[in-house]
Structures are given as structure tokens and as C-alpha cells.
């Protein structure tokens, strides 16, 4: 699974809106949607912040590891 799809699916599973994620990251909704669509990739700091918010590892988001943390614990 590519990053954008994994990000989208994990965000939905955690119950966050795209706007909530954008606000958390301090970026526009449009910029956040670029991540989910695969048009852009976040820098390392932003990737780490996304993983923390969604309670998963960066490797999970990048498709390097199929095991995530428990996404129900935010």
C-alpha cells in the first residue's frame, strides 16, 4: 500500500477528518490532501508528527511494516 492510501485509511480508522489533521500539522487542507492523494510527500518532521497523531510508526505509514500500534489509543 502506498503512503497516501495508508495515511487516508489510518486517518479514517482513527476517526479524524482531513481538516483536523491539517490543523494539527499547521498546514492547509489542500496541502494535507496532497499527501493523501500521493501528489506530495511530507518531510521527516511532518511524517513523524502524522505518525504520532495517528499512533502508528513511520514505517507503517511508509508501507515498510504491516504491524501498527494500537490505533484506538490516541
C-alpha atoms as a PDB file:
ATOM      1  CA  UNK A   1       0.000   0.000   0.000  1.00  0.00           C
ATOM      2  CA  UNK A   2       1.406   3.402  -0.880  1.00  0.00           C
ATOM      3  CA  UNK A   3       1.796   6.206   1.653  1.00  0.00           C
ATOM      4  CA  UNK A   4      -1.232   8.284   0.608  1.00  0.00           C
ATOM      5  CA  UNK A   5      -3.672   5.371   0.798  1.00  0.00           C
ATOM      6  CA  UNK A   6      -2.222   4.184   4.088  1.00  0.00           C
ATOM      7  CA  UNK A   7      -2.462   7.708   5.508  1.00  0.00           C
ATOM      8  CA  UNK A   8      -6.068   8.075   4.367  1.00  0.00           C
ATOM      9  CA  UNK A   9      -7.154   4.661   5.661  1.00  0.00           C
ATOM     10  CA  UNK A  10      -5.418   5.122   9.007  1.00  0.00           C
ATOM     11  CA  UNK A  11      -6.861   8.620   9.477  1.00  0.00           C
ATOM     12  CA  UNK A  12     -10.366   7.320   8.816  1.00  0.00           C
ATOM     13  CA  UNK A  13      -9.853   4.381  11.170  1.00  0.00           C
ATOM     14  CA  UNK A  14      -8.725   6.796  13.896  1.00  0.00           C
ATOM     15  CA  UNK A  15     -11.781   8.993  13.374  1.00  0.00           C
ATOM     16  CA  UNK A  16     -10.043  12.194  12.291  1.00  0.00           C
ATOM     17  CA  UNK A  17     -11.152  14.450   9.473  1.00  0.00           C
ATOM     18  CA  UNK A  18      -8.678  15.700   6.908  1.00  0.00           C
ATOM     19  CA  UNK A  19      -9.242  19.205   8.304  1.00  0.00           C
ATOM     20  CA  UNK A  20      -8.365  18.052  11.826  1.00  0.00           C
ATOM     21  CA  UNK A  21      -5.129  16.558  10.535  1.00  0.00           C
ATOM     22  CA  UNK A  22      -4.284  19.716   8.584  1.00  0.00           C
ATOM     23  CA  UNK A  23      -4.961  21.861  11.654  1.00  0.00           C
ATOM     24  CA  UNK A  24      -2.810  19.592  13.828  1.00  0.00           C
ATOM     25  CA  UNK A  25       0.041  19.815  11.342  1.00  0.00           C
ATOM     26  CA  UNK A  26      -0.362  23.574  10.842  1.00  0.00           C
ATOM     27  CA  UNK A  27      -0.895  23.259   7.088  1.00  0.00           C
ATOM     28  CA  UNK A  28      -3.750  23.984   4.738  1.00  0.00           C
ATOM     29  CA  UNK A  29      -6.359  21.354   3.987  1.00  0.00           C
ATOM     30  CA  UNK A  30      -5.230  21.438   0.365  1.00  0.00           C
ATOM     31  CA  UNK A  31      -1.628  20.689   1.353  1.00  0.00           C
ATOM     32  CA  UNK A  32      -2.779  17.807   3.545  1.00  0.00           C
ATOM     33  CA  UNK A  33      -4.902  16.377   0.751  1.00  0.00           C
ATOM     34  CA  UNK A  34      -1.809  16.368  -1.475  1.00  0.00           C
ATOM     35  CA  UNK A  35      -0.289  13.872   0.991  1.00  0.00           C
ATOM     36  CA  UNK A  36      -3.313  11.587   0.818  1.00  0.00           C
ATOM     37  CA  UNK A  37      -3.522  11.787  -2.961  1.00  0.00           C
ATOM     38  CA  UNK A  38       0.149  10.962  -3.352  1.00  0.00           C
ATOM     39  CA  UNK A  39       0.924  14.250  -5.104  1.00  0.00           C
ATOM     40  CA  UNK A  40       3.366  15.253  -2.369  1.00  0.00           C
ATOM     41  CA  UNK A  41       5.246  13.561   0.434  1.00  0.00           C
ATOM     42  CA  UNK A  42       5.776  15.114   3.850  1.00  0.00           C
ATOM     43  CA  UNK A  43       9.224  15.955   5.176  1.00  0.00           C
ATOM     44  CA  UNK A  44      10.612  13.830   8.004  1.00  0.00           C
ATOM     45  CA  UNK A  45       9.342  16.100  10.791  1.00  0.00           C
ATOM     46  CA  UNK A  46       5.825  16.189   9.347  1.00  0.00           C
ATOM     47  CA  UNK A  47       5.847  12.428   8.779  1.00  0.00           C
ATOM     48  CA  UNK A  48       6.816  11.933  12.412  1.00  0.00           C
ATOM     49  CA  UNK A  49       4.028  14.279  13.555  1.00  0.00           C
ATOM     50  CA  UNK A  50       1.485  12.409  11.426  1.00  0.00           C
ATOM     51  CA  UNK A  51       2.613   9.071  12.870  1.00  0.00           C
ATOM     52  CA  UNK A  52       2.360  10.434  16.412  1.00  0.00           C
ATOM     53  CA  UNK A  53      -1.138  11.814  15.844  1.00  0.00           C
ATOM     54  CA  UNK A  54      -2.342   8.535  14.334  1.00  0.00           C
ATOM     55  CA  UNK A  55      -0.431   6.442  16.887  1.00  0.00           C
ATOM     56  CA  UNK A  56       1.380   4.393  14.259  1.00  0.00           C
ATOM     57  CA  UNK A  57       5.012   4.063  13.257  1.00  0.00           C
ATOM     58  CA  UNK A  58       6.510   5.945  10.343  1.00  0.00           C
ATOM     59  CA  UNK A  59       7.457   2.557   8.871  1.00  0.00           C
ATOM     60  CA  UNK A  60       3.788   1.575   8.943  1.00  0.00           C
ATOM     61  CA  UNK A  61       2.780   4.726   7.064  1.00  0.00           C
ATOM     62  CA  UNK A  62       5.529   4.137   4.523  1.00  0.00           C
ATOM     63  CA  UNK A  63       4.435   0.550   3.952  1.00  0.00           C
ATOM     64  CA  UNK A  64       7.605  -0.951   5.407  1.00  0.00           C
ATOM     65  CA  UNK A  65       5.828  -2.690   8.262  1.00  0.00           C
ATOM     66  CA  UNK A  66       2.335  -4.140   8.214  1.00  0.00           C
ATOM     67  CA  UNK A  67       2.025  -4.013  12.003  1.00  0.00           C
ATOM     68  CA  UNK A  68       0.847  -0.751  13.518  1.00  0.00           C
ATOM     69  CA  UNK A  69       0.493   0.325  17.105  1.00  0.00           C
ATOM     70  CA  UNK A  70      -2.982   0.122  18.583  1.00  0.00           C
ATOM     71  CA  UNK A  71      -4.692   2.926  16.628  1.00  0.00           C
ATOM     72  CA  UNK A  72      -7.509   3.164  19.169  1.00  0.00           C
ATOM     73  CA  UNK A  73      -5.193   4.790  21.722  1.00  0.00           C
ATOM     74  CA  UNK A  74      -4.781   8.469  20.781  1.00  0.00           C
END
